[in-house]
Amino acid sequence: MKVHTVIFDLDGTLIDSAPSILSSMSAAFDEVGIEPIKPLTHDLIGPPLNELLLNLLTEENKDKLPKIIEGFKKYYDESGYKETQIYEEVMEMLDNLREMDIRLYIATNKRILPALKILQHFELNDLFDGIYALDYFYPIMENKTELLLYLYNNLPSATNGAVYVGDRVEDAEAAKGAGFPFLCAVWGYGKIINIGNKFIEINRPNHLPSLLQDYR
């Protein structure tokens, strides 16, 4: 199989969004006046926003979820997203993949508005043939497996020559559920465990272009 399409996760794969997300979460909890039940650390990053924040609330505080989400979105979308950092070598990797005539897409749990703002902030928009998020669709998709299934069924030739690159076990499971080979970005947030299928680890972004030249 010659790879002609690479679909990327965003957080923990192309960008280190932990500083921006964690500071926005802290601001949102401070505004409501409650403490999260877990430390705000980078290993929280990955799930959709509602799920992420809900897991930080006690049962008696779960009614505060809408206000915390509202506070997070306000802070993050206005200024917090600018604290995002792009991983070293990612720009060079993307340029090299484009020179190889590989089509690039993003499939992320991040909301589409901040995703687009971040890509514009780093001037990456034009490198991608499509940018997809759960809330890109109406009704909003429930999870990344559903999102990848959509791409599997709708991207040109996605069933023969496309791979998904992510950093978390959830990404691996979503790729498996949608029928995409999975490549693991080991520099990201997740710790991939044995999920019953084989995948290739990528140690550095710059390793991906050369890997795809010989990928089978």
N, C-alpha and C. Protein backbone atom coordinates (compact mmCIF):
# COMPACT_ATOMS: atom_id res chain seq x y z
N MET A 1 0.84 -1.20 0.00
CA MET A 1 0.00 0.00 0.00
C MET A 1 0.87 1.24 0.00
N LYS A 2 0.72 2.07 -0.98
CA LYS A 2 1.41 3.35 -1.00
C LYS A 2 0.55 4.38 -0.28
N VAL A 3 1.13 5.05 0.71
CA VAL A 3 0.37 6.03 1.47
C VAL A 3 0.29 7.34 0.69
N HIS A 4 -0.93 7.79 0.44
CA HIS A 4 -1.14 9.07 -0.25
C HIS A 4 -1.90 10.07 0.60
N THR A 5 -2.38 9.62 1.78
CA THR A 5 -3.17 10.49 2.66
C THR A 5 -2.76 10.25 4.11
N VAL A 6 -2.46 11.33 4.83
CA VAL A 6 -2.17 11.24 6.26
C VAL A 6 -3.17 12.11 7.00
N ILE A 7 -3.88 11.51 7.94
CA ILE A 7 -4.82 12.22 8.80
C ILE A 7 -4.17 12.34 10.17
N PHE A 8 -4.09 13.57 10.65
CA PHE A 8 -3.43 13.83 11.93
C PHE A 8 -4.44 14.16 13.01
N ASP A 9 -4.18 13.64 14.20
CA ASP A 9 -4.73 14.22 15.42
C ASP A 9 -4.06 15.59 15.58
N LEU A 10 -4.58 16.43 16.45
CA LEU A 10 -4.00 17.77 16.62
C LEU A 10 -3.28 17.89 17.96
N ASP A 11 -4.01 17.87 19.06
CA ASP A 11 -3.40 18.01 20.38
C ASP A 11 -2.50 16.82 20.69
N GLY A 12 -1.25 17.09 21.04
CA GLY A 12 -0.33 16.03 21.39
C GLY A 12 0.32 15.36 20.20
N THR A 13 -0.05 15.78 19.00
CA THR A 13 0.52 15.20 17.79
C THR A 13 1.23 16.27 16.96
N LEU A 14 0.51 17.33 16.62
CA LEU A 14 1.12 18.46 15.91
C LEU A 14 1.45 19.60 16.86
N ILE A 15 0.64 19.77 17.88
CA ILE A 15 0.81 20.90 18.80
C ILE A 15 0.81 20.44 20.24
N ASP A 16 1.51 21.19 21.07
CA ASP A 16 1.45 21.03 22.52
C ASP A 16 0.49 22.08 23.05
N SER A 17 -0.74 21.69 23.22
CA SER A 17 -1.78 22.62 23.65
C SER A 17 -1.98 22.60 25.16
N ALA A 18 -1.20 21.78 25.87
CA ALA A 18 -1.40 21.67 27.31
C ALA A 18 -1.31 23.01 28.04
N PRO A 19 -0.28 23.85 27.77
CA PRO A 19 -0.23 25.13 28.49
C PRO A 19 -1.49 25.98 28.31
N SER A 20 -1.99 26.03 27.08
CA SER A 20 -3.16 26.86 26.81
C SER A 20 -4.44 26.27 27.40
N ILE A 21 -4.61 24.96 27.30
CA ILE A 21 -5.82 24.32 27.81
C ILE A 21 -5.84 24.36 29.33
N LEU A 22 -4.72 24.05 29.95
CA LEU A 22 -4.69 24.00 31.42
C LEU A 22 -4.88 25.38 32.04
N SER A 23 -4.30 26.41 31.44
CA SER A 23 -4.50 27.76 31.97
C SER A 23 -5.94 28.20 31.79
N SER A 24 -6.57 27.81 30.69
CA SER A 24 -7.98 28.16 30.45
C SER A 24 -8.90 27.41 31.40
N MET A 25 -8.56 26.15 31.69
CA MET A 25 -9.34 25.39 32.65
C MET A 25 -9.23 26.01 34.04
N SER A 26 -8.02 26.37 34.42
CA SER A 26 -7.82 26.99 35.73
C SER A 26 -8.62 28.27 35.86
N ALA A 27 -8.61 29.10 34.81
CA ALA A 27 -9.37 30.35 34.83
C ALA A 27 -10.87 30.08 34.94
N ALA A 28 -11.36 29.04 34.25
CA ALA A 28 -12.78 28.73 34.29
C ALA A 28 -13.22 28.25 35.67
N PHE A 29 -12.41 27.41 36.31
CA PHE A 29 -12.75 26.94 37.65
C PHE A 29 -12.67 28.08 38.66
N ASP A 30 -11.67 28.95 38.52
CA ASP A 30 -11.55 30.09 39.43
C ASP A 30 -12.77 31.00 39.32
N GLU A 31 -13.26 31.18 38.10
CA GLU A 31 -14.40 32.08 37.90
C GLU A 31 -15.65 31.54 38.58
N VAL A 32 -15.80 30.21 38.59
CA VAL A 32 -16.97 29.60 39.23
C VAL A 32 -16.75 29.45 40.73
N GLY A 33 -15.49 29.42 41.16
CA GLY A 33 -15.20 29.37 42.58
C GLY A 33 -15.14 27.98 43.17
N ILE A 34 -14.76 26.99 42.35
CA ILE A 34 -14.61 25.63 42.87
C ILE A 34 -13.27 25.07 42.43
N GLU A 35 -12.84 23.98 43.10
CA GLU A 35 -11.58 23.35 42.78
C GLU A 35 -11.83 22.07 41.98
N PRO A 36 -11.05 21.80 40.95
CA PRO A 36 -11.17 20.50 40.27
C PRO A 36 -10.73 19.37 41.18
N ILE A 37 -11.28 18.19 40.99
CA ILE A 37 -10.99 17.07 41.88
C ILE A 37 -9.69 16.36 41.51
N LYS A 38 -9.10 16.72 40.37
CA LYS A 38 -7.82 16.16 39.95
C LYS A 38 -6.86 17.31 39.64
N PRO A 39 -5.56 17.08 39.81
CA PRO A 39 -4.60 18.12 39.41
C PRO A 39 -4.71 18.40 37.91
N LEU A 40 -4.54 19.65 37.53
CA LEU A 40 -4.60 20.03 36.12
C LEU A 40 -3.25 19.77 35.48
N THR A 41 -3.09 18.55 34.96
CA THR A 41 -1.83 18.13 34.36
C THR A 41 -2.05 17.75 32.90
N HIS A 42 -0.96 17.65 32.16
CA HIS A 42 -1.05 17.45 30.71
C HIS A 42 -1.69 16.12 30.33
N ASP A 43 -1.69 15.11 31.22
CA ASP A 43 -2.26 13.83 30.85
C ASP A 43 -3.79 13.86 30.76
N LEU A 44 -4.40 14.99 31.14
CA LEU A 44 -5.84 15.16 30.97
C LEU A 44 -6.21 15.45 29.52
N ILE A 45 -5.27 15.98 28.74
CA ILE A 45 -5.57 16.49 27.42
C ILE A 45 -5.90 15.34 26.47
N GLY A 46 -6.94 15.54 25.66
CA GLY A 46 -7.28 14.54 24.66
C GLY A 46 -8.78 14.37 24.44
N PRO A 47 -9.56 14.05 25.51
CA PRO A 47 -11.00 13.85 25.32
C PRO A 47 -11.71 15.14 24.91
N PRO A 48 -12.94 15.03 24.38
CA PRO A 48 -13.73 16.23 24.09
C PRO A 48 -13.90 17.08 25.35
N LEU A 49 -14.08 18.39 25.15
CA LEU A 49 -14.10 19.35 26.26
C LEU A 49 -15.11 18.98 27.34
N ASN A 50 -16.35 18.67 26.96
CA ASN A 50 -17.38 18.37 27.95
C ASN A 50 -16.97 17.19 28.83
N GLU A 51 -16.45 16.16 28.20
CA GLU A 51 -16.02 14.97 28.94
C GLU A 51 -14.85 15.29 29.85
N LEU A 52 -13.90 16.06 29.33
CA LEU A 52 -12.72 16.42 30.10
C LEU A 52 -13.10 17.17 31.37
N LEU A 53 -13.95 18.18 31.24
CA LEU A 53 -14.32 19.00 32.39
C LEU A 53 -15.23 18.26 33.36
N LEU A 54 -16.12 17.43 32.82
CA LEU A 54 -17.03 16.67 33.68
C LEU A 54 -16.27 15.75 34.61
N ASN A 55 -15.16 15.20 34.12
CA ASN A 55 -14.36 14.28 34.95
C ASN A 55 -13.60 15.00 36.06
N LEU A 56 -13.65 16.33 36.08
CA LEU A 56 -12.97 17.11 37.11
C LEU A 56 -13.93 17.63 38.17
N LEU A 57 -15.21 17.21 38.09
CA LEU A 57 -16.23 17.71 39.01
C LEU A 57 -16.74 16.61 39.93
N THR A 58 -17.04 16.99 41.17
CA THR A 58 -17.72 16.08 42.08
C THR A 58 -19.18 15.98 41.66
N GLU A 59 -19.87 14.98 42.19
CA GLU A 59 -21.29 14.79 41.86
C GLU A 59 -22.10 16.05 42.21
N GLU A 60 -21.79 16.65 43.37
CA GLU A 60 -22.58 17.82 43.78
C GLU A 60 -22.25 19.07 42.98
N ASN A 61 -21.12 19.06 42.25
CA ASN A 61 -20.74 20.23 41.46
C ASN A 61 -21.02 20.08 39.97
N LYS A 62 -21.59 18.96 39.58
CA LYS A 62 -21.78 18.72 38.15
C LYS A 62 -22.77 19.69 37.51
N ASP A 63 -23.62 20.31 38.32
CA ASP A 63 -24.53 21.31 37.78
C ASP A 63 -23.80 22.58 37.36
N LYS A 64 -22.52 22.69 37.78
CA LYS A 64 -21.73 23.86 37.41
C LYS A 64 -21.06 23.69 36.03
N LEU A 65 -21.20 22.51 35.44
CA LEU A 65 -20.51 22.22 34.19
C LEU A 65 -20.79 23.25 33.10
N PRO A 66 -22.04 23.64 32.84
CA PRO A 66 -22.28 24.63 31.77
C PRO A 66 -21.53 25.94 31.98
N LYS A 67 -21.45 26.43 33.22
CA LYS A 67 -20.74 27.68 33.48
C LYS A 67 -19.24 27.52 33.30
N ILE A 68 -18.71 26.36 33.68
CA ILE A 68 -17.28 26.11 33.51
C ILE A 68 -16.94 26.01 32.02
N ILE A 69 -17.79 25.33 31.26
CA ILE A 69 -17.56 25.24 29.82
C ILE A 69 -17.59 26.62 29.18
N GLU A 70 -18.57 27.42 29.57
CA GLU A 70 -18.69 28.77 29.04
C GLU A 70 -17.45 29.60 29.36
N GLY A 71 -16.98 29.50 30.64
CA GLY A 71 -15.80 30.25 31.03
C GLY A 71 -14.56 29.79 30.29
N PHE A 72 -14.43 28.48 30.12
CA PHE A 72 -13.28 27.95 29.39
C PHE A 72 -13.28 28.47 27.96
N LYS A 73 -14.40 28.34 27.27
CA LYS A 73 -14.46 28.76 25.87
C LYS A 73 -14.14 30.24 25.72
N LYS A 74 -14.65 31.06 26.63
CA LYS A 74 -14.41 32.49 26.54
C LYS A 74 -12.93 32.80 26.65
N TYR A 75 -12.28 32.23 27.64
CA TYR A 75 -10.86 32.50 27.86
C TYR A 75 -10.01 31.90 26.74
N TYR A 76 -10.29 30.65 26.41
CA TYR A 76 -9.47 29.93 25.43
C TYR A 76 -9.59 30.53 24.04
N ASP A 77 -10.83 30.82 23.64
CA ASP A 77 -11.06 31.30 22.27
C ASP A 77 -10.59 32.73 22.06
N GLU A 78 -10.58 33.52 23.13
CA GLU A 78 -10.17 34.92 22.98
C GLU A 78 -8.66 35.08 23.03
N SER A 79 -8.01 34.38 23.94
CA SER A 79 -6.57 34.60 24.08
C SER A 79 -5.79 33.35 24.49
N GLY A 80 -6.43 32.44 25.22
CA GLY A 80 -5.71 31.29 25.76
C GLY A 80 -5.05 30.43 24.70
N TYR A 81 -5.70 30.30 23.53
CA TYR A 81 -5.16 29.43 22.48
C TYR A 81 -3.78 29.87 22.02
N LYS A 82 -3.45 31.14 22.23
CA LYS A 82 -2.15 31.67 21.78
C LYS A 82 -0.99 31.11 22.60
N GLU A 83 -1.28 30.47 23.74
CA GLU A 83 -0.23 29.84 24.54
C GLU A 83 0.16 28.47 23.99
N THR A 84 -0.54 28.01 22.96
CA THR A 84 -0.22 26.75 22.31
C THR A 84 1.19 26.81 21.70
N GLN A 85 1.86 25.69 21.74
CA GLN A 85 3.20 25.58 21.13
C GLN A 85 3.18 24.49 20.07
N ILE A 86 3.91 24.71 19.02
CA ILE A 86 4.01 23.69 17.97
C ILE A 86 5.25 22.85 18.25
N TYR A 87 5.11 21.54 18.10
CA TYR A 87 6.24 20.66 18.38
C TYR A 87 7.38 20.90 17.39
N GLU A 88 8.58 20.74 17.90
CA GLU A 88 9.77 20.89 17.06
C GLU A 88 9.71 19.89 15.91
N GLU A 89 10.09 20.32 14.74
CA GLU A 89 10.16 19.55 13.50
C GLU A 89 8.82 19.38 12.81
N VAL A 90 7.72 19.79 13.40
CA VAL A 90 6.42 19.58 12.78
C VAL A 90 6.29 20.37 11.47
N MET A 91 6.73 21.62 11.46
CA MET A 91 6.63 22.42 10.24
C MET A 91 7.41 21.76 9.11
N GLU A 92 8.62 21.34 9.40
CA GLU A 92 9.46 20.69 8.38
C GLU A 92 8.82 19.38 7.91
N MET A 93 8.26 18.62 8.85
CA MET A 93 7.60 17.36 8.50
C MET A 93 6.45 17.60 7.54
N LEU A 94 5.61 18.57 7.83
CA LEU A 94 4.45 18.85 6.99
C LEU A 94 4.89 19.30 5.60
N ASP A 95 5.90 20.15 5.54
CA ASP A 95 6.40 20.60 4.24
C ASP A 95 6.95 19.42 3.43
N ASN A 96 7.66 18.53 4.08
CA ASN A 96 8.21 17.37 3.39
C ASN A 96 7.11 16.44 2.88
N LEU A 97 6.07 16.26 3.66
CA LEU A 97 4.96 15.42 3.23
C LEU A 97 4.25 16.02 2.02
N ARG A 98 4.08 17.33 2.03
CA ARG A 98 3.45 17.98 0.88
C ARG A 98 4.31 17.84 -0.37
N GLU A 99 5.62 17.93 -0.20
CA GLU A 99 6.53 17.75 -1.35
C GLU A 99 6.45 16.34 -1.91
N MET A 100 6.01 15.40 -1.08
CA MET A 100 5.83 14.02 -1.53
C MET A 100 4.45 13.80 -2.14
N ASP A 101 3.68 14.88 -2.31
CA ASP A 101 2.32 14.83 -2.87
C ASP A 101 1.38 14.01 -2.01
N ILE A 102 1.61 14.03 -0.71
CA ILE A 102 0.70 13.38 0.24
C ILE A 102 -0.34 14.38 0.71
N ARG A 103 -1.59 13.99 0.64
CA ARG A 103 -2.68 14.85 1.11
C ARG A 103 -2.75 14.79 2.64
N LEU A 104 -2.96 15.95 3.25
CA LEU A 104 -2.94 16.06 4.71
C LEU A 104 -4.30 16.52 5.23
N TYR A 105 -4.74 15.87 6.30
CA TYR A 105 -6.01 16.23 6.94
C TYR A 105 -5.80 16.24 8.45
N ILE A 106 -6.74 16.88 9.14
CA ILE A 106 -6.77 16.86 10.59
C ILE A 106 -8.13 16.33 11.03
N ALA A 107 -8.10 15.43 12.01
CA ALA A 107 -9.33 14.93 12.65
C ALA A 107 -9.10 15.02 14.15
N THR A 108 -9.81 15.91 14.82
CA THR A 108 -9.51 16.25 16.21
C THR A 108 -10.76 16.30 17.07
N ASN A 109 -10.56 16.05 18.37
CA ASN A 109 -11.62 16.28 19.35
C ASN A 109 -11.76 17.75 19.71
N LYS A 110 -10.76 18.55 19.39
CA LYS A 110 -10.82 19.97 19.70
C LYS A 110 -11.95 20.63 18.92
N ARG A 111 -12.59 21.62 19.52
CA ARG A 111 -13.64 22.33 18.81
C ARG A 111 -13.05 23.01 17.56
N ILE A 112 -13.87 23.13 16.54
CA ILE A 112 -13.39 23.61 15.24
C ILE A 112 -12.91 25.06 15.31
N LEU A 113 -13.57 25.92 16.10
CA LEU A 113 -13.18 27.33 16.15
C LEU A 113 -11.75 27.51 16.65
N PRO A 114 -11.40 27.01 17.86
CA PRO A 114 -10.01 27.18 18.29
C PRO A 114 -9.02 26.40 17.43
N ALA A 115 -9.44 25.26 16.88
CA ALA A 115 -8.54 24.51 16.00
C ALA A 115 -8.12 25.37 14.82
N LEU A 116 -9.08 26.04 14.20
CA LEU A 116 -8.78 26.90 13.05
C LEU A 116 -7.95 28.11 13.47
N LYS A 117 -8.25 28.66 14.65
CA LYS A 117 -7.48 29.81 15.13
C LYS A 117 -6.02 29.43 15.37
N ILE A 118 -5.80 28.26 15.94
CA ILE A 118 -4.43 27.81 16.21
C ILE A 118 -3.68 27.58 14.91
N LEU A 119 -4.30 26.92 13.96
CA LEU A 119 -3.65 26.67 12.68
C LEU A 119 -3.34 27.97 11.95
N GLN A 120 -4.25 28.92 12.05
CA GLN A 120 -3.99 30.22 11.44
C GLN A 120 -2.86 30.94 12.17
N HIS A 121 -2.82 30.80 13.49
CA HIS A 121 -1.78 31.44 14.29
C HIS A 121 -0.39 30.97 13.86
N PHE A 122 -0.29 29.69 13.51
CA PHE A 122 1.00 29.14 13.08
C PHE A 122 1.13 29.10 11.55
N GLU A 123 0.14 29.67 10.86
CA GLU A 123 0.15 29.74 9.39
C GLU A 123 0.24 28.35 8.77
N LEU A 124 -0.56 27.43 9.30
CA LEU A 124 -0.57 26.06 8.81
C LEU A 124 -1.79 25.73 7.95
N ASN A 125 -2.77 26.62 7.91
CA ASN A 125 -4.04 26.30 7.25
C ASN A 125 -3.88 25.75 5.85
N ASP A 126 -3.02 26.38 5.07
CA ASP A 126 -2.92 26.04 3.65
C ASP A 126 -2.25 24.70 3.40
N LEU A 127 -1.67 24.10 4.42
CA LEU A 127 -1.01 22.81 4.24
C LEU A 127 -1.99 21.65 4.26
N PHE A 128 -3.22 21.89 4.73
CA PHE A 128 -4.18 20.81 4.92
C PHE A 128 -5.31 20.87 3.90
N ASP A 129 -5.68 19.69 3.41
CA ASP A 129 -6.79 19.58 2.46
C ASP A 129 -8.14 19.60 3.16
N GLY A 130 -8.15 19.36 4.45
CA GLY A 130 -9.39 19.39 5.22
C GLY A 130 -9.10 19.36 6.70
N ILE A 131 -9.92 20.07 7.48
CA ILE A 131 -9.77 20.13 8.93
C ILE A 131 -11.12 19.77 9.54
N TYR A 132 -11.17 18.67 10.28
CA TYR A 132 -12.44 18.15 10.77
C TYR A 132 -12.41 18.03 12.30
N ALA A 133 -13.52 18.38 12.91
CA ALA A 133 -13.71 18.27 14.36
C ALA A 133 -15.09 17.70 14.62
N LEU A 134 -15.32 17.27 15.85
CA LEU A 134 -16.63 16.69 16.17
C LEU A 134 -17.75 17.70 15.93
N ASP A 135 -17.50 18.97 16.27
CA ASP A 135 -18.54 19.99 16.12
C ASP A 135 -18.50 20.67 14.75
N TYR A 136 -17.71 20.13 13.83
CA TYR A 136 -17.76 20.58 12.44
C TYR A 136 -19.08 20.15 11.81
N PHE A 137 -19.68 19.11 12.37
CA PHE A 137 -20.89 18.51 11.82
C PHE A 137 -22.10 18.86 12.68
N TYR A 138 -23.27 18.77 12.06
CA TYR A 138 -24.52 18.92 12.81
C TYR A 138 -25.42 17.74 12.45
N PRO A 139 -25.88 17.01 13.47
CA PRO A 139 -25.55 17.17 14.89
C PRO A 139 -24.09 16.83 15.16
N ILE A 140 -23.59 17.31 16.30
CA ILE A 140 -22.21 17.09 16.66
C ILE A 140 -21.93 15.60 16.81
N MET A 141 -20.82 15.15 16.25
CA MET A 141 -20.47 13.74 16.38
C MET A 141 -20.10 13.40 17.81
N GLU A 142 -20.31 12.15 18.18
CA GLU A 142 -20.13 11.74 19.57
C GLU A 142 -18.69 11.46 19.93
N ASN A 143 -17.89 10.97 19.00
CA ASN A 143 -16.52 10.58 19.34
C ASN A 143 -15.67 10.53 18.08
N LYS A 144 -14.38 10.29 18.28
CA LYS A 144 -13.44 10.30 17.16
C LYS A 144 -13.62 9.10 16.24
N THR A 145 -14.07 7.98 16.77
CA THR A 145 -14.33 6.83 15.90
C THR A 145 -15.37 7.19 14.85
N GLU A 146 -16.42 7.86 15.27
CA GLU A 146 -17.46 8.29 14.33
C GLU A 146 -16.89 9.26 13.30
N LEU A 147 -16.02 10.16 13.76
CA LEU A 147 -15.39 11.12 12.86
C LEU A 147 -14.51 10.41 11.83
N LEU A 148 -13.69 9.48 12.28
CA LEU A 148 -12.81 8.77 11.35
C LEU A 148 -13.59 7.86 10.40
N LEU A 149 -14.68 7.30 10.86
CA LEU A 149 -15.54 6.51 9.97
C LEU A 149 -16.09 7.38 8.84
N TYR A 150 -16.46 8.61 9.19
CA TYR A 150 -16.94 9.54 8.15
C TYR A 150 -15.85 9.78 7.12
N LEU A 151 -14.62 10.04 7.59
CA LEU A 151 -13.52 10.30 6.67
C LEU A 151 -13.19 9.06 5.85
N TYR A 152 -13.24 7.90 6.47
CA TYR A 152 -12.98 6.65 5.76
C TYR A 152 -13.95 6.48 4.59
N ASN A 153 -15.18 6.88 4.80
CA ASN A 153 -16.21 6.70 3.78
C ASN A 153 -16.30 7.85 2.78
N ASN A 154 -15.66 8.99 3.08
CA ASN A 154 -15.87 10.16 2.24
C ASN A 154 -14.61 10.77 1.63
N LEU A 155 -13.45 10.53 2.21
CA LEU A 155 -12.24 11.07 1.60
C LEU A 155 -11.88 10.27 0.35
N PRO A 156 -11.28 10.93 -0.64
CA PRO A 156 -10.90 10.21 -1.87
C PRO A 156 -9.94 9.06 -1.57
N SER A 157 -10.32 7.86 -1.91
CA SER A 157 -9.48 6.67 -1.78
C SER A 157 -8.98 6.45 -0.35
N ALA A 158 -9.73 6.88 0.64
CA ALA A 158 -9.28 6.70 2.03
C ALA A 158 -9.20 5.24 2.42
N THR A 159 -9.93 4.39 1.71
CA THR A 159 -9.92 2.97 2.05
C THR A 159 -8.67 2.26 1.57
N ASN A 160 -7.82 2.94 0.80
CA ASN A 160 -6.61 2.29 0.28
C ASN A 160 -5.50 3.33 0.16
N GLY A 161 -4.76 3.53 1.24
CA GLY A 161 -3.63 4.44 1.17
C GLY A 161 -3.68 5.59 2.15
N ALA A 162 -4.51 5.49 3.20
CA ALA A 162 -4.59 6.54 4.21
C ALA A 162 -4.21 5.96 5.56
N VAL A 163 -3.55 6.77 6.40
CA VAL A 163 -3.19 6.37 7.75
C VAL A 163 -3.60 7.47 8.72
N TYR A 164 -3.76 7.10 9.99
CA TYR A 164 -4.08 8.08 11.02
C TYR A 164 -2.91 8.15 12.00
N VAL A 165 -2.49 9.38 12.32
CA VAL A 165 -1.38 9.61 13.23
C VAL A 165 -1.91 10.29 14.49
N GLY A 166 -1.71 9.68 15.65
CA GLY A 166 -2.16 10.24 16.91
C GLY A 166 -1.23 9.84 18.03
N ASP A 167 -1.59 10.23 19.26
CA ASP A 167 -0.67 9.99 20.37
C ASP A 167 -1.30 9.25 21.55
N ARG A 168 -2.60 8.97 21.51
CA ARG A 168 -3.26 8.38 22.67
C ARG A 168 -3.88 7.04 22.31
N VAL A 169 -4.12 6.24 23.33
CA VAL A 169 -4.75 4.94 23.10
C VAL A 169 -6.12 5.14 22.47
N GLU A 170 -6.81 6.23 22.81
CA GLU A 170 -8.10 6.51 22.21
C GLU A 170 -7.98 6.74 20.71
N ASP A 171 -6.86 7.35 20.29
CA ASP A 171 -6.63 7.55 18.86
C ASP A 171 -6.42 6.20 18.17
N ALA A 172 -5.64 5.33 18.81
CA ALA A 172 -5.40 4.01 18.24
C ALA A 172 -6.70 3.22 18.12
N GLU A 173 -7.54 3.30 19.14
CA GLU A 173 -8.81 2.56 19.11
C GLU A 173 -9.76 3.13 18.06
N ALA A 174 -9.76 4.47 17.92
CA ALA A 174 -10.63 5.09 16.91
C ALA A 174 -10.18 4.71 15.51
N ALA A 175 -8.87 4.72 15.28
CA ALA A 175 -8.34 4.32 13.98
C ALA A 175 -8.71 2.87 13.67
N LYS A 176 -8.54 2.01 14.66
CA LYS A 176 -8.88 0.60 14.48
C LYS A 176 -10.37 0.44 14.17
N GLY A 177 -11.20 1.19 14.89
CA GLY A 177 -12.64 1.10 14.69
C GLY A 177 -13.08 1.58 13.32
N ALA A 178 -12.31 2.52 12.74
CA ALA A 178 -12.67 3.07 11.44
C ALA A 178 -11.97 2.38 10.28
N GLY A 179 -10.99 1.54 10.58
CA GLY A 179 -10.31 0.80 9.53
C GLY A 179 -9.04 1.44 9.02
N PHE A 180 -8.50 2.44 9.74
CA PHE A 180 -7.25 3.08 9.33
C PHE A 180 -6.06 2.43 10.04
N PRO A 181 -4.96 2.20 9.32
CA PRO A 181 -3.70 1.89 10.02
C PRO A 181 -3.34 3.06 10.93
N PHE A 182 -2.78 2.74 12.11
CA PHE A 182 -2.46 3.77 13.10
C PHE A 182 -0.96 3.90 13.27
N LEU A 183 -0.47 5.13 13.26
CA LEU A 183 0.92 5.44 13.55
C LEU A 183 0.95 6.28 14.81
N CYS A 184 1.79 5.90 15.78
CA CYS A 184 1.79 6.53 17.09
C CYS A 184 2.88 7.58 17.22
N ALA A 185 2.48 8.81 17.50
CA ALA A 185 3.41 9.91 17.77
C ALA A 185 3.82 9.82 19.23
N VAL A 186 4.98 9.24 19.50
CA VAL A 186 5.35 8.94 20.88
C VAL A 186 5.77 10.19 21.66
N TRP A 187 5.92 11.33 20.97
CA TRP A 187 6.27 12.56 21.68
C TRP A 187 5.05 13.21 22.32
N GLY A 188 3.88 12.69 22.09
CA GLY A 188 2.64 13.33 22.56
C GLY A 188 2.33 13.03 24.01
N TYR A 189 1.04 13.20 24.37
CA TYR A 189 0.61 13.08 25.76
C TYR A 189 0.33 11.65 26.19
N GLY A 190 -0.11 10.82 25.26
CA GLY A 190 -0.63 9.53 25.63
C GLY A 190 0.43 8.47 25.83
N LYS A 191 0.08 7.46 26.60
CA LYS A 191 0.91 6.27 26.75
C LYS A 191 0.14 5.11 26.14
N ILE A 192 0.61 4.69 24.97
CA ILE A 192 -0.11 3.65 24.24
C ILE A 192 0.15 2.30 24.89
N ILE A 193 -0.92 1.58 25.14
CA ILE A 193 -0.80 0.24 25.71
C ILE A 193 -1.24 -0.79 24.68
N ASN A 194 -1.09 -2.04 25.00
CA ASN A 194 -1.48 -3.10 24.07
C ASN A 194 -2.99 -3.09 23.90
N ILE A 195 -3.44 -2.80 22.67
CA ILE A 195 -4.88 -2.78 22.42
C ILE A 195 -5.29 -3.88 21.44
N GLY A 196 -4.37 -4.81 21.22
CA GLY A 196 -4.73 -5.96 20.40
C GLY A 196 -4.50 -5.78 18.92
N ASN A 197 -3.87 -4.72 18.50
CA ASN A 197 -3.52 -4.57 17.09
C ASN A 197 -2.15 -3.94 16.98
N LYS A 198 -1.47 -4.16 15.88
CA LYS A 198 -0.12 -3.67 15.71
C LYS A 198 -0.14 -2.25 15.15
N PHE A 199 0.86 -1.48 15.53
CA PHE A 199 1.03 -0.15 14.97
C PHE A 199 2.50 0.21 15.04
N ILE A 200 2.84 1.26 14.29
CA ILE A 200 4.23 1.71 14.21
C ILE A 200 4.39 2.95 15.07
N GLU A 201 5.48 3.03 15.81
CA GLU A 201 5.79 4.20 16.60
C GLU A 201 6.67 5.15 15.80
N ILE A 202 6.37 6.45 15.91
CA ILE A 202 7.18 7.48 15.27
C ILE A 202 7.86 8.24 16.40
N ASN A 203 9.19 8.20 16.42
CA ASN A 203 9.92 8.81 17.53
C ASN A 203 10.04 10.32 17.42
N ARG A 204 10.12 10.82 16.21
CA ARG A 204 10.23 12.26 15.95
C ARG A 204 9.43 12.60 14.72
N PRO A 205 8.87 13.83 14.65
CA PRO A 205 8.09 14.19 13.45
C PRO A 205 8.84 13.97 12.15
N ASN A 206 10.13 14.29 12.11
CA ASN A 206 10.89 14.17 10.87
C ASN A 206 11.08 12.73 10.42
N HIS A 207 10.76 11.76 11.27
CA HIS A 207 10.87 10.36 10.87
C HIS A 207 9.69 9.93 10.00
N LEU A 208 8.59 10.65 10.06
CA LEU A 208 7.39 10.22 9.34
C LEU A 208 7.56 10.22 7.82
N PRO A 209 8.08 11.28 7.19
CA PRO A 209 8.21 11.24 5.72
C PRO A 209 9.03 10.06 5.22
N SER A 210 10.18 9.81 5.84
CA SER A 210 11.01 8.68 5.38
C SER A 210 10.33 7.35 5.66
N LEU A 211 9.61 7.26 6.76
CA LEU A 211 8.89 6.03 7.07
C LEU A 211 7.84 5.72 6.00
N LEU A 212 7.13 6.76 5.56
CA LEU A 212 6.05 6.54 4.59
C LEU A 212 6.58 6.17 3.21
N GLN A 213 7.80 6.53 2.91
CA GLN A 213 8.37 6.15 1.62
C GLN A 213 8.48 4.63 1.49
N ASP A 214 8.71 3.96 2.60
CA ASP A 214 8.88 2.51 2.59
C ASP A 214 7.75 1.78 3.31
N TYR A 215 6.68 2.48 3.61
CA TYR A 215 5.61 1.90 4.44
C TYR A 215 4.91 0.76 3.70
N ARG A 216 4.68 -0.32 4.41
CA ARG A 216 3.90 -1.44 3.90
C ARG A 216 2.94 -1.91 5.00
